[in-house]
Amino acid sequence: MQHDLRLRAAARAIYDNVYPAVDLAPFSFDEAERFGTVEYRQAVGAAQDARYVLEAQHDQLLFAAIL
């Protein structure tokens, strides 16, 4: 995911909020990314879902502006 910096930043924000303490996540975000942990994959999935929802909302706004 190194090529999509915005998606990576969103995944990091989600990861850091869901797993804020060392007790909840055994790895930092960078380590979790390197090892492809379940927590990392969940954060990436959440970021992808959020991107889809935000893009859909943007498209709706553009359509409403055209009308």
C-alpha atoms as a PDB file:
ATOM      1  CA  MET A   1       0.000   0.000   0.000  1.00  0.00           C
ATOM      2  CA  GLN A   2       3.055   2.239  -0.175  1.00  0.00           C
ATOM      3  CA  HIS A   3       1.843   3.819  -3.422  1.00  0.00           C
ATOM      4  CA  ASP A   4      -1.436   5.145  -1.935  1.00  0.00           C
ATOM      5  CA  LEU A   5      -0.265   7.527   0.758  1.00  0.00           C
ATOM      6  CA  ARG A   6      -3.733   8.887   1.577  1.00  0.00           C
ATOM      7  CA  LEU A   7      -5.143   5.402   2.122  1.00  0.00           C
ATOM      8  CA  ARG A   8      -2.107   4.493   4.238  1.00  0.00           C
ATOM      9  CA  ALA A   9      -2.586   7.615   6.365  1.00  0.00           C
ATOM     10  CA  ALA A  10      -6.255   6.761   6.854  1.00  0.00           C
ATOM     11  CA  ALA A  11      -5.361   3.195   7.819  1.00  0.00           C
ATOM     12  CA  ARG A  12      -2.780   4.501  10.302  1.00  0.00           C
ATOM     13  CA  ALA A  13      -5.358   6.846  11.872  1.00  0.00           C
ATOM     14  CA  ILE A  14      -7.851   4.002  12.194  1.00  0.00           C
ATOM     15  CA  TYR A  15      -5.211   1.631  13.572  1.00  0.00           C
ATOM     16  CA  ASP A  16      -3.978   4.174  16.120  1.00  0.00           C
ATOM     17  CA  ASN A  17      -7.532   4.885  17.291  1.00  0.00           C
ATOM     18  CA  VAL A  18      -8.666   1.274  17.493  1.00  0.00           C
ATOM     19  CA  TYR A  19      -5.418  -0.012  19.010  1.00  0.00           C
ATOM     20  CA  PRO A  20      -4.144   3.010  21.002  1.00  0.00           C
ATOM     21  CA  ALA A  21      -2.064   1.235  23.613  1.00  0.00           C
ATOM     22  CA  VAL A  22       0.664  -1.347  23.483  1.00  0.00           C
ATOM     23  CA  ASP A  23      -1.657  -3.610  25.466  1.00  0.00           C
ATOM     24  CA  LEU A  24      -4.190  -3.692  22.624  1.00  0.00           C
ATOM     25  CA  ALA A  25      -1.764  -3.968  19.720  1.00  0.00           C
ATOM     26  CA  PRO A  26       1.493  -5.848  20.060  1.00  0.00           C
ATOM     27  CA  PHE A  27       3.021  -3.926  17.137  1.00  0.00           C
ATOM     28  CA  SER A  28       3.333  -0.319  16.018  1.00  0.00           C
ATOM     29  CA  PHE A  29       1.534   0.540  12.787  1.00  0.00           C
ATOM     30  CA  ASP A  30       4.760   0.275  10.777  1.00  0.00           C
ATOM     31  CA  GLU A  31       5.535  -3.151  12.230  1.00  0.00           C
ATOM     32  CA  ALA A  32       1.965  -4.321  11.715  1.00  0.00           C
ATOM     33  CA  GLU A  33       2.181  -3.192   8.083  1.00  0.00           C
ATOM     34  CA  ARG A  34       5.472  -5.003   7.578  1.00  0.00           C
ATOM     35  CA  PHE A  35       4.155  -8.242   9.098  1.00  0.00           C
ATOM     36  CA  GLY A  36       0.644  -7.949   7.609  1.00  0.00           C
ATOM     37  CA  THR A  37      -1.071  -8.536  10.938  1.00  0.00           C
ATOM     38  CA  VAL A  38      -4.803  -9.056  11.304  1.00  0.00           C
ATOM     39  CA  GLU A  39      -5.081  -5.671  12.995  1.00  0.00           C
ATOM     40  CA  TYR A  40      -3.320  -4.002  10.094  1.00  0.00           C
ATOM     41  CA  ARG A  41      -5.537  -5.712   7.527  1.00  0.00           C
ATOM     42  CA  GLN A  42      -8.632  -4.665   9.484  1.00  0.00           C
ATOM     43  CA  ALA A  43      -7.451  -1.048   9.562  1.00  0.00           C
ATOM     44  CA  VAL A  44      -6.781  -1.110   5.814  1.00  0.00           C
ATOM     45  CA  GLY A  45     -10.209  -2.616   5.162  1.00  0.00           C
ATOM     46  CA  ALA A  46     -11.837   0.089   7.271  1.00  0.00           C
ATOM     47  CA  ALA A  47      -9.901   2.784   5.396  1.00  0.00           C
ATOM     48  CA  GLN A  48     -10.971   1.312   2.048  1.00  0.00           C
ATOM     49  CA  ASP A  49     -14.602   1.211   3.200  1.00  0.00           C
ATOM     50  CA  ALA A  50     -14.359   4.820   4.394  1.00  0.00           C
ATOM     51  CA  ARG A  51     -12.840   5.904   1.086  1.00  0.00           C
ATOM     52  CA  TYR A  52     -15.698   4.272  -0.814  1.00  0.00           C
ATOM     53  CA  VAL A  53     -18.330   5.978   1.360  1.00  0.00           C
ATOM     54  CA  LEU A  54     -16.629   9.372   1.109  1.00  0.00           C
ATOM     55  CA  GLU A  55     -16.266   9.091  -2.668  1.00  0.00           C
ATOM     56  CA  ALA A  56     -19.926   8.115  -2.998  1.00  0.00           C
ATOM     57  CA  GLN A  57     -20.949  11.152  -0.933  1.00  0.00           C
ATOM     58  CA  HIS A  58     -18.745  13.378  -3.115  1.00  0.00           C
ATOM     59  CA  ASP A  59     -20.362  11.977  -6.264  1.00  0.00           C
ATOM     60  CA  GLN A  60     -23.814  12.681  -4.822  1.00  0.00           C
ATOM     61  CA  LEU A  61     -22.830  16.271  -4.092  1.00  0.00           C
ATOM     62  CA  LEU A  62     -21.538  16.726  -7.644  1.00  0.00           C
ATOM     63  CA  PHE A  63     -24.762  15.278  -9.057  1.00  0.00           C
ATOM     64  CA  ALA A  64     -26.878  17.585  -6.887  1.00  0.00           C
ATOM     65  CA  ALA A  65     -24.827  20.583  -8.046  1.00  0.00           C
ATOM     66  CA  ILE A  66     -25.511  19.683 -11.676  1.00  0.00           C
ATOM     67  CA  LEU A  67     -29.258  19.637 -11.056  1.00  0.00           C
END
